[in-house]
C-alpha cells in the first residue's frame, strides 16, 4: 500500500526508511554505545538481507546483519560492496 499510494518508495517492512525509522536506529545506537562503547550492534530479519538497508547499517558501523538463508548471498555481496565504497570514500 505504501508504494501503490506513493507514500514511500520502498516497502518499509523490507527496506529501512532511513529518514524516519533510521533516525531512531541512529539514536538507539548512540545511546547504547554511550553506556557500553564495545556493544555489538546488529540487525536481523528482512532488513538484514536488503542491499539498501545493509549499506545504511554499514554507514552506521553495525557489527553484523542477519537474514534468512536464501538472502545470505545477496547480503554478502551487498556488505562487500558497501565496505569497498566506504573505504574508497
PDB file of N, CA and C in Angstrom:
ATOM      1  N   UNK A   1       0.808  -1.200   0.000  1.00  0.00           N
ATOM      2  CA  UNK A   1       0.000   0.000   0.000  1.00  0.00           C
ATOM      3  C   UNK A   1       0.854   1.267   0.000  1.00  0.00           C
ATOM      4  N   UNK A   2       2.003   1.204   0.700  1.00  0.00           N
ATOM      5  CA  UNK A   2       2.884   2.376   0.767  1.00  0.00           C
ATOM      6  C   UNK A   2       3.376   2.780  -0.614  1.00  0.00           C
ATOM      7  N   UNK A   3       3.795   1.783  -1.386  1.00  0.00           N
ATOM      8  CA  UNK A   3       4.316   2.055  -2.730  1.00  0.00           C
ATOM      9  C   UNK A   3       3.189   2.430  -3.680  1.00  0.00           C
ATOM     10  N   UNK A   4       2.068   1.734  -3.618  1.00  0.00           N
ATOM     11  CA  UNK A   4       0.947   1.989  -4.523  1.00  0.00           C
ATOM     12  C   UNK A   4       0.407   3.405  -4.368  1.00  0.00           C
ATOM     13  N   UNK A   5       0.422   3.927  -3.172  1.00  0.00           N
ATOM     14  CA  UNK A   5      -0.092   5.276  -2.912  1.00  0.00           C
ATOM     15  C   UNK A   5       0.995   6.339  -2.934  1.00  0.00           C
ATOM     16  N   UNK A   6       2.207   5.934  -3.348  1.00  0.00           N
ATOM     17  CA  UNK A   6       3.364   6.842  -3.436  1.00  0.00           C
ATOM     18  C   UNK A   6       3.686   7.542  -2.119  1.00  0.00           C
ATOM     19  N   UNK A   7       3.426   6.857  -1.014  1.00  0.00           N
ATOM     20  CA  UNK A   7       3.777   7.397   0.292  1.00  0.00           C
ATOM     21  C   UNK A   7       5.270   7.163   0.536  1.00  0.00           C
ATOM     22  N   UNK A   8       5.736   5.979   0.145  1.00  0.00           N
ATOM     23  CA  UNK A   8       7.138   5.615   0.306  1.00  0.00           C
ATOM     24  C   UNK A   8       7.600   4.892  -0.957  1.00  0.00           C
ATOM     25  N   UNK A   9       8.901   5.010  -1.264  1.00  0.00           N
ATOM     26  CA  UNK A   9       9.448   4.363  -2.463  1.00  0.00           C
ATOM     27  C   UNK A   9       9.596   2.863  -2.290  1.00  0.00           C
ATOM     28  N   UNK A  10       9.902   2.426  -1.062  1.00  0.00           N
ATOM     29  CA  UNK A  10      10.123   1.002  -0.796  1.00  0.00           C
ATOM     30  C   UNK A  10       9.213   0.543   0.331  1.00  0.00           C
ATOM     31  N   UNK A  11       8.974  -0.753   0.384  1.00  0.00           N
ATOM     32  CA  UNK A  11       8.191  -1.347   1.454  1.00  0.00           C
ATOM     33  C   UNK A  11       8.979  -1.215   2.751  1.00  0.00           C
ATOM     34  N   UNK A  12       8.474  -0.483   3.753  1.00  0.00           N
ATOM     35  CA  UNK A  12       9.221  -0.262   4.992  1.00  0.00           C
ATOM     36  C   UNK A  12       9.431  -1.529   5.818  1.00  0.00           C
ATOM     37  N   UNK A  13       8.728  -2.598   5.473  1.00  0.00           N
ATOM     38  CA  UNK A  13       8.916  -3.858   6.179  1.00  0.00           C
ATOM     39  C   UNK A  13      10.041  -4.679   5.564  1.00  0.00           C
ATOM     40  N   UNK A  14      10.582  -4.199   4.434  1.00  0.00           N
ATOM     41  CA  UNK A  14      11.678  -4.898   3.775  1.00  0.00           C
ATOM     42  C   UNK A  14      12.916  -4.043   3.629  1.00  0.00           C
ATOM     43  N   UNK A  15      12.760  -2.735   3.619  1.00  0.00           N
ATOM     44  CA  UNK A  15      13.884  -1.822   3.444  1.00  0.00           C
ATOM     45  C   UNK A  15      13.726  -0.655   4.413  1.00  0.00           C
ATOM     46  N   UNK A  16      14.769  -0.360   5.152  1.00  0.00           N
ATOM     47  CA  UNK A  16      14.702   0.678   6.190  1.00  0.00           C
ATOM     48  C   UNK A  16      14.397   2.053   5.596  1.00  0.00           C
ATOM     49  N   UNK A  17      13.455   2.735   6.221  1.00  0.00           N
ATOM     50  CA  UNK A  17      13.177   4.138   5.918  1.00  0.00           C
ATOM     51  C   UNK A  17      14.217   4.946   6.695  1.00  0.00           C
ATOM     52  N   UNK A  18      15.297   5.305   6.036  1.00  0.00           N
ATOM     53  CA  UNK A  18      16.427   5.932   6.728  1.00  0.00           C
ATOM     54  C   UNK A  18      16.088   7.306   7.301  1.00  0.00           C
ATOM     55  N   UNK A  19      15.172   8.018   6.693  1.00  0.00           N
ATOM     56  CA  UNK A  19      14.827   9.354   7.196  1.00  0.00           C
ATOM     57  C   UNK A  19      13.945   9.308   8.442  1.00  0.00           C
ATOM     58  N   UNK A  20      13.155   8.267   8.601  1.00  0.00           N
ATOM     59  CA  UNK A  20      12.264   8.150   9.753  1.00  0.00           C
ATOM     60  C   UNK A  20      12.792   7.175  10.773  1.00  0.00           C
ATOM     61  N   UNK A  21      12.550   5.900  10.524  1.00  0.00           N
ATOM     62  CA  UNK A  21      12.989   4.841  11.434  1.00  0.00           C
ATOM     63  C   UNK A  21      14.510   4.854  11.582  1.00  0.00           C
ATOM     64  N   UNK A  22      15.207   5.185  10.513  1.00  0.00           N
ATOM     65  CA  UNK A  22      16.668   5.227  10.561  1.00  0.00           C
ATOM     66  C   UNK A  22      17.187   6.183  11.616  1.00  0.00           C
ATOM     67  N   UNK A  23      16.524   7.296  11.790  1.00  0.00           N
ATOM     68  CA  UNK A  23      16.956   8.261  12.814  1.00  0.00           C
ATOM     69  C   UNK A  23      16.786   7.681  14.205  1.00  0.00           C
ATOM     70  N   UNK A  24      15.726   6.902  14.408  1.00  0.00           N
ATOM     71  CA  UNK A  24      15.533   6.238  15.705  1.00  0.00           C
ATOM     72  C   UNK A  24      16.612   5.184  15.934  1.00  0.00           C
ATOM     73  N   UNK A  25      16.989   4.480  14.862  1.00  0.00           N
ATOM     74  CA  UNK A  25      18.050   3.480  14.954  1.00  0.00           C
ATOM     75  C   UNK A  25      19.375   4.153  15.308  1.00  0.00           C
ATOM     76  N   UNK A  26      19.665   5.273  14.660  1.00  0.00           N
ATOM     77  CA  UNK A  26      20.898   6.012  14.962  1.00  0.00           C
ATOM     78  C   UNK A  26      20.920   6.445  16.433  1.00  0.00           C
ATOM     79  N   UNK A  27      19.801   6.956  16.916  1.00  0.00           N
ATOM     80  CA  UNK A  27      19.707   7.401  18.304  1.00  0.00           C
ATOM     81  C   UNK A  27      19.914   6.231  19.260  1.00  0.00           C
ATOM     82  N   UNK A  28      19.274   5.107  18.986  1.00  0.00           N
ATOM     83  CA  UNK A  28      19.422   3.927  19.845  1.00  0.00           C
ATOM     84  C   UNK A  28      20.872   3.447  19.862  1.00  0.00           C
ATOM     85  N   UNK A  29      21.519   3.463  18.693  1.00  0.00           N
ATOM     86  CA  UNK A  29      22.924   3.044  18.603  1.00  0.00           C
ATOM     87  C   UNK A  29      23.804   3.979  19.437  1.00  0.00           C
ATOM     88  N   UNK A  30      23.617   5.274  19.281  1.00  0.00           N
ATOM     89  CA  UNK A  30      24.413   6.251  20.034  1.00  0.00           C
ATOM     90  C   UNK A  30      24.208   6.111  21.542  1.00  0.00           C
ATOM     91  N   UNK A  31      22.961   5.959  21.956  1.00  0.00           N
ATOM     92  CA  UNK A  31      22.678   5.831  23.387  1.00  0.00           C
ATOM     93  C   UNK A  31      23.255   4.527  23.950  1.00  0.00           C
ATOM     94  N   UNK A  32      23.130   3.451  23.202  1.00  0.00           N
ATOM     95  CA  UNK A  32      23.694   2.175  23.643  1.00  0.00           C
ATOM     96  C   UNK A  32      25.203   2.249  23.787  1.00  0.00           C
ATOM     97  N   UNK A  33      25.855   2.854  22.802  1.00  0.00           N
ATOM     98  CA  UNK A  33      27.315   2.959  22.842  1.00  0.00           C
ATOM     99  C   UNK A  33      27.796   3.951  23.892  1.00  0.00           C
ATOM    100  N   UNK A  34      26.947   4.895  24.273  1.00  0.00           N
ATOM    101  CA  UNK A  34      27.358   5.836  25.321  1.00  0.00           C
ATOM    102  C   UNK A  34      27.451   5.131  26.673  1.00  0.00           C
ATOM    103  N   UNK A  35      26.689   4.074  26.852  1.00  0.00           N
ATOM    104  CA  UNK A  35      26.714   3.300  28.089  1.00  0.00           C
ATOM    105  C   UNK A  35      27.730   2.170  28.001  1.00  0.00           C
ATOM    106  N   UNK A  36      27.809   1.536  26.839  1.00  0.00           N
ATOM    107  CA  UNK A  36      28.722   0.409  26.640  1.00  0.00           C
ATOM    108  C   UNK A  36      29.387   0.559  25.267  1.00  0.00           C
ATOM    109  N   UNK A  37      30.527   1.229  25.190  1.00  0.00           N
ATOM    110  CA  UNK A  37      31.172   1.524  23.910  1.00  0.00           C
ATOM    111  C   UNK A  37      31.475   0.312  23.032  1.00  0.00           C
ATOM    112  N   UNK A  38      31.711  -0.850  23.632  1.00  0.00           N
ATOM    113  CA  UNK A  38      32.062  -2.021  22.832  1.00  0.00           C
ATOM    114  C   UNK A  38      30.856  -2.918  22.512  1.00  0.00           C
ATOM    115  N   UNK A  39      29.641  -2.397  22.717  1.00  0.00           N
ATOM    116  CA  UNK A  39      28.439  -3.181  22.442  1.00  0.00           C
ATOM    117  C   UNK A  39      28.377  -3.556  20.957  1.00  0.00           C
ATOM    118  N   UNK A  40      27.961  -4.763  20.676  1.00  0.00           N
ATOM    119  CA  UNK A  40      27.788  -5.188  19.288  1.00  0.00           C
ATOM    120  C   UNK A  40      26.387  -4.775  18.841  1.00  0.00           C
ATOM    121  N   UNK A  41      26.336  -4.077  17.727  1.00  0.00           N
ATOM    122  CA  UNK A  41      25.070  -3.592  17.188  1.00  0.00           C
ATOM    123  C   UNK A  41      24.813  -4.336  15.883  1.00  0.00           C
ATOM    124  N   UNK A  42      23.610  -4.852  15.731  1.00  0.00           N
ATOM    125  CA  UNK A  42      23.273  -5.576  14.515  1.00  0.00           C
ATOM    126  C   UNK A  42      21.787  -5.586  14.266  1.00  0.00           C
ATOM    127  N   UNK A  43      21.418  -6.226  13.192  1.00  0.00           N
ATOM    128  CA  UNK A  43      20.012  -6.317  12.810  1.00  0.00           C
ATOM    129  C   UNK A  43      19.754  -7.691  12.224  1.00  0.00           C
ATOM    130  N   UNK A  44      18.535  -8.171  12.400  1.00  0.00           N
ATOM    131  CA  UNK A  44      18.176  -9.446  11.784  1.00  0.00           C
ATOM    132  C   UNK A  44      16.797  -9.311  11.150  1.00  0.00           C
ATOM    133  N   UNK A  45      16.494 -10.211  10.257  1.00  0.00           N
ATOM    134  CA  UNK A  45      15.206 -10.193   9.580  1.00  0.00           C
ATOM    135  C   UNK A  45      15.328  -9.716   8.149  1.00  0.00           C
ATOM    136  N   UNK A  46      14.229  -9.283   7.582  1.00  0.00           N
ATOM    137  CA  UNK A  46      14.202  -8.852   6.177  1.00  0.00           C
ATOM    138  C   UNK A  46      15.172  -7.712   5.918  1.00  0.00           C
ATOM    139  N   UNK A  47      15.294  -6.797   6.854  1.00  0.00           N
ATOM    140  CA  UNK A  47      16.209  -5.666   6.681  1.00  0.00           C
ATOM    141  C   UNK A  47      17.664  -6.110   6.608  1.00  0.00           C
ATOM    142  N   UNK A  48      17.974  -7.217   7.257  1.00  0.00           N
ATOM    143  CA  UNK A  48      19.331  -7.746   7.239  1.00  0.00           C
ATOM    144  C   UNK A  48      19.737  -8.332   5.902  1.00  0.00           C
ATOM    145  N   UNK A  49      18.789  -8.537   5.013  1.00  0.00           N
ATOM    146  CA  UNK A  49      19.090  -9.072   3.695  1.00  0.00           C
ATOM    147  C   UNK A  49      18.816  -8.106   2.563  1.00  0.00           C
ATOM    148  N   UNK A  50      18.458  -6.882   2.898  1.00  0.00           N
ATOM    149  CA  UNK A  50      18.144  -5.869   1.883  1.00  0.00           C
ATOM    150  C   UNK A  50      19.389  -5.035   1.574  1.00  0.00           C
ATOM    151  N   UNK A  51      19.841  -5.016   0.320  1.00  0.00           N
ATOM    152  CA  UNK A  51      21.074  -4.287  -0.021  1.00  0.00           C
ATOM    153  C   UNK A  51      21.092  -2.819   0.414  1.00  0.00           C
ATOM    154  N   UNK A  52      20.000  -2.094   0.218  1.00  0.00           N
ATOM    155  CA  UNK A  52      19.976  -0.676   0.619  1.00  0.00           C
ATOM    156  C   UNK A  52      20.067  -0.531   2.136  1.00  0.00           C
ATOM    157  N   UNK A  53      19.390  -1.410   2.855  1.00  0.00           N
ATOM    158  CA  UNK A  53      19.455  -1.369   4.315  1.00  0.00           C
ATOM    159  C   UNK A  53      20.845  -1.740   4.801  1.00  0.00           C
ATOM    160  N   UNK A  54      21.447  -2.741   4.179  1.00  0.00           N
ATOM    161  CA  UNK A  54      22.805  -3.158   4.556  1.00  0.00           C
ATOM    162  C   UNK A  54      23.782  -2.002   4.373  1.00  0.00           C
ATOM    163  N   UNK A  55      23.645  -1.286   3.281  1.00  0.00           N
ATOM    164  CA  UNK A  55      24.507  -0.124   3.039  1.00  0.00           C
ATOM    165  C   UNK A  55      24.344   0.899   4.162  1.00  0.00           C
ATOM    166  N   UNK A  56      23.115   1.141   4.567  1.00  0.00           N
ATOM    167  CA  UNK A  56      22.840   2.087   5.647  1.00  0.00           C
ATOM    168  C   UNK A  56      23.439   1.601   6.971  1.00  0.00           C
ATOM    169  N   UNK A  57      23.237   0.326   7.277  1.00  0.00           N
ATOM    170  CA  UNK A  57      23.779  -0.223   8.526  1.00  0.00           C
ATOM    171  C   UNK A  57      25.306  -0.172   8.532  1.00  0.00           C
ATOM    172  N   UNK A  58      25.927  -0.364   7.389  1.00  0.00           N
ATOM    173  CA  UNK A  58      27.386  -0.270   7.303  1.00  0.00           C
ATOM    174  C   UNK A  58      27.842   1.166   7.561  1.00  0.00           C
ATOM    175  N   UNK A  59      27.112   2.131   7.026  1.00  0.00           N
ATOM    176  CA  UNK A  59      27.439   3.537   7.270  1.00  0.00           C
ATOM    177  C   UNK A  59      27.379   3.855   8.766  1.00  0.00           C
ATOM    178  N   UNK A  60      26.439   3.209   9.463  1.00  0.00           N
ATOM    179  CA  UNK A  60      26.305   3.442  10.905  1.00  0.00           C
ATOM    180  C   UNK A  60      27.327   2.665  11.723  1.00  0.00           C
ATOM    181  N   UNK A  61      28.047   1.743  11.082  1.00  0.00           N
ATOM    182  CA  UNK A  61      29.066   0.977  11.788  1.00  0.00           C
ATOM    183  C   UNK A  61      28.527  -0.235  12.530  1.00  0.00           C
ATOM    184  N   UNK A  62      27.448  -0.823  12.031  1.00  0.00           N
ATOM    185  CA  UNK A  62      26.893  -2.018  12.669  1.00  0.00           C
ATOM    186  C   UNK A  62      27.911  -3.144  12.647  1.00  0.00           C
ATOM    187  N   UNK A  63      27.837  -4.012  13.645  1.00  0.00           N
ATOM    188  CA  UNK A  63      28.747  -5.153  13.766  1.00  0.00           C
ATOM    189  C   UNK A  63      28.348  -6.301  12.850  1.00  0.00           C
ATOM    190  N   UNK A  64      27.057  -6.471  12.622  1.00  0.00           N
ATOM    191  CA  UNK A  64      26.592  -7.604  11.820  1.00  0.00           C
ATOM    192  C   UNK A  64      25.179  -7.382  11.292  1.00  0.00           C
ATOM    193  N   UNK A  65      24.830  -8.155  10.292  1.00  0.00           N
ATOM    194  CA  UNK A  65      23.454  -8.291   9.836  1.00  0.00           C
ATOM    195  C   UNK A  65      23.144  -9.782   9.775  1.00  0.00           C
ATOM    196  N   UNK A  66      21.909 -10.118   9.983  1.00  0.00           N
ATOM    197  CA  UNK A  66      21.468 -11.498   9.937  1.00  0.00           C
ATOM    198  C   UNK A  66      20.204 -11.550   9.096  1.00  0.00           C
ATOM    199  N   UNK A  67      20.075 -12.598   8.297  1.00  0.00           N
ATOM    200  CA  UNK A  67      18.905 -12.694   7.428  1.00  0.00           C
ATOM    201  C   UNK A  67      18.561 -14.153   7.155  1.00  0.00           C
ATOM    202  N   UNK A  68      17.463 -14.362   6.444  1.00  0.00           N
ATOM    203  CA  UNK A  68      17.056 -15.721   6.102  1.00  0.00           C
ATOM    204  C   UNK A  68      18.068 -16.324   5.130  1.00  0.00           C
ATOM    205  N   UNK A  69      18.204 -17.642   5.140  1.00  0.00           N
ATOM    206  CA  UNK A  69      19.232 -18.315   4.332  1.00  0.00           C
ATOM    207  C   UNK A  69      19.217 -17.961   2.845  1.00  0.00           C
ATOM    208  N   UNK A  70      18.049 -17.812   2.256  1.00  0.00           N
ATOM    209  CA  UNK A  70      18.026 -17.528   0.819  1.00  0.00           C
ATOM    210  C   UNK A  70      18.527 -16.130   0.487  1.00  0.00           C
ATOM    211  N   UNK A  71      18.609 -15.242   1.470  1.00  0.00           N
ATOM    212  CA  UNK A  71      19.104 -13.880   1.225  1.00  0.00           C
ATOM    213  C   UNK A  71      20.586 -13.719   1.570  1.00  0.00           C
ATOM    214  N   UNK A  72      21.200 -14.742   2.124  1.00  0.00           N
ATOM    215  CA  UNK A  72      22.607 -14.650   2.533  1.00  0.00           C
ATOM    216  C   UNK A  72      23.527 -14.256   1.372  1.00  0.00           C
ATOM    217  N   UNK A  73      23.436 -14.894   0.191  1.00  0.00           N
ATOM    218  CA  UNK A  73      24.335 -14.482  -0.906  1.00  0.00           C
ATOM    219  C   UNK A  73      24.191 -13.000  -1.269  1.00  0.00           C
ATOM    220  N   UNK A  74      22.966 -12.517  -1.294  1.00  0.00           N
ATOM    221  CA  UNK A  74      22.724 -11.100  -1.598  1.00  0.00           C
ATOM    222  C   UNK A  74      23.324 -10.221  -0.502  1.00  0.00           C
ATOM    223  N   UNK A  75      23.137 -10.627   0.745  1.00  0.00           N
ATOM    224  CA  UNK A  75      23.662  -9.852   1.873  1.00  0.00           C
ATOM    225  C   UNK A  75      25.188  -9.791   1.850  1.00  0.00           C
ATOM    226  N   UNK A  76      25.830 -10.895   1.506  1.00  0.00           N
ATOM    227  CA  UNK A  76      27.296 -10.928   1.454  1.00  0.00           C
ATOM    228  C   UNK A  76      27.811  -9.962   0.390  1.00  0.00           C
ATOM    229  N   UNK A  77      27.206 -10.020  -0.778  1.00  0.00           N
ATOM    230  CA  UNK A  77      27.629  -9.128  -1.873  1.00  0.00           C
ATOM    231  C   UNK A  77      27.364  -7.667  -1.498  1.00  0.00           C
ATOM    232  N   UNK A  78      26.192  -7.384  -0.958  1.00  0.00           N
ATOM    233  CA  UNK A  78      25.856  -6.009  -0.575  1.00  0.00           C
ATOM    234  C   UNK A  78      26.800  -5.487   0.501  1.00  0.00           C
ATOM    235  N   UNK A  79      27.121  -6.319   1.482  1.00  0.00           N
ATOM    236  CA  UNK A  79      28.042  -5.902   2.552  1.00  0.00           C
ATOM    237  C   UNK A  79      29.438  -5.638   1.991  1.00  0.00           C
ATOM    238  N   UNK A  80      29.890  -6.491   1.078  1.00  0.00           N
ATOM    239  CA  UNK A  80      31.221  -6.304   0.477  1.00  0.00           C
ATOM    240  C   UNK A  80      31.252  -5.025  -0.338  1.00  0.00           C
ATOM    241  N   UNK A  81      30.229  -4.791  -1.142  1.00  0.00           N
ATOM    242  CA  UNK A  81      30.169  -3.569  -1.951  1.00  0.00           C
ATOM    243  C   UNK A  81      30.148  -2.321  -1.074  1.00  0.00           C
ATOM    244  N   UNK A  82      29.367  -2.379   0.002  1.00  0.00           N
ATOM    245  CA  UNK A  82      29.288  -1.241   0.906  1.00  0.00           C
ATOM    246  C   UNK A  82      30.619  -0.971   1.599  1.00  0.00           C
ATOM    247  N   UNK A  83      31.307  -2.045   2.003  1.00  0.00           N
ATOM    248  CA  UNK A  83      32.615  -1.892   2.664  1.00  0.00           C
ATOM    249  C   UNK A  83      33.627  -1.269   1.711  1.00  0.00           C
ATOM    250  N   UNK A  84      33.601  -1.706   0.462  1.00  0.00           N
ATOM    251  CA  UNK A  84      34.521  -1.147  -0.545  1.00  0.00           C
ATOM    252  C   UNK A  84      34.224   0.331  -0.763  1.00  0.00           C
ATOM    253  N   UNK A  85      32.959   0.677  -0.918  1.00  0.00           N
ATOM    254  CA  UNK A  85      32.586   2.072  -1.116  1.00  0.00           C
ATOM    255  C   UNK A  85      32.983   2.941   0.077  1.00  0.00           C
ATOM    256  N   UNK A  86      32.811   2.402   1.265  1.00  0.00           N
ATOM    257  CA  UNK A  86      33.158   3.143   2.475  1.00  0.00           C
ATOM    258  C   UNK A  86      34.662   3.418   2.534  1.00  0.00           C
ATOM    259  N   UNK A  87      35.465   2.442   2.134  1.00  0.00           N
ATOM    260  CA  UNK A  87      36.928   2.622   2.145  1.00  0.00           C
ATOM    261  C   UNK A  87      37.394   3.602   1.079  1.00  0.00           C
ATOM    262  N   UNK A  88      36.713   3.618  -0.056  1.00  0.00           N
ATOM    263  CA  UNK A  88      37.129   4.473  -1.168  1.00  0.00           C
ATOM    264  C   UNK A  88      36.634   5.899  -0.986  1.00  0.00           C
ATOM    265  N   UNK A  89      35.740   6.100  -0.019  1.00  0.00           N
ATOM    266  CA  UNK A  89      35.275   7.430   0.302  1.00  0.00           C
ATOM    267  C   UNK A  89      34.225   7.868  -0.610  1.00  0.00           C
TER     268      UNK A  89
END
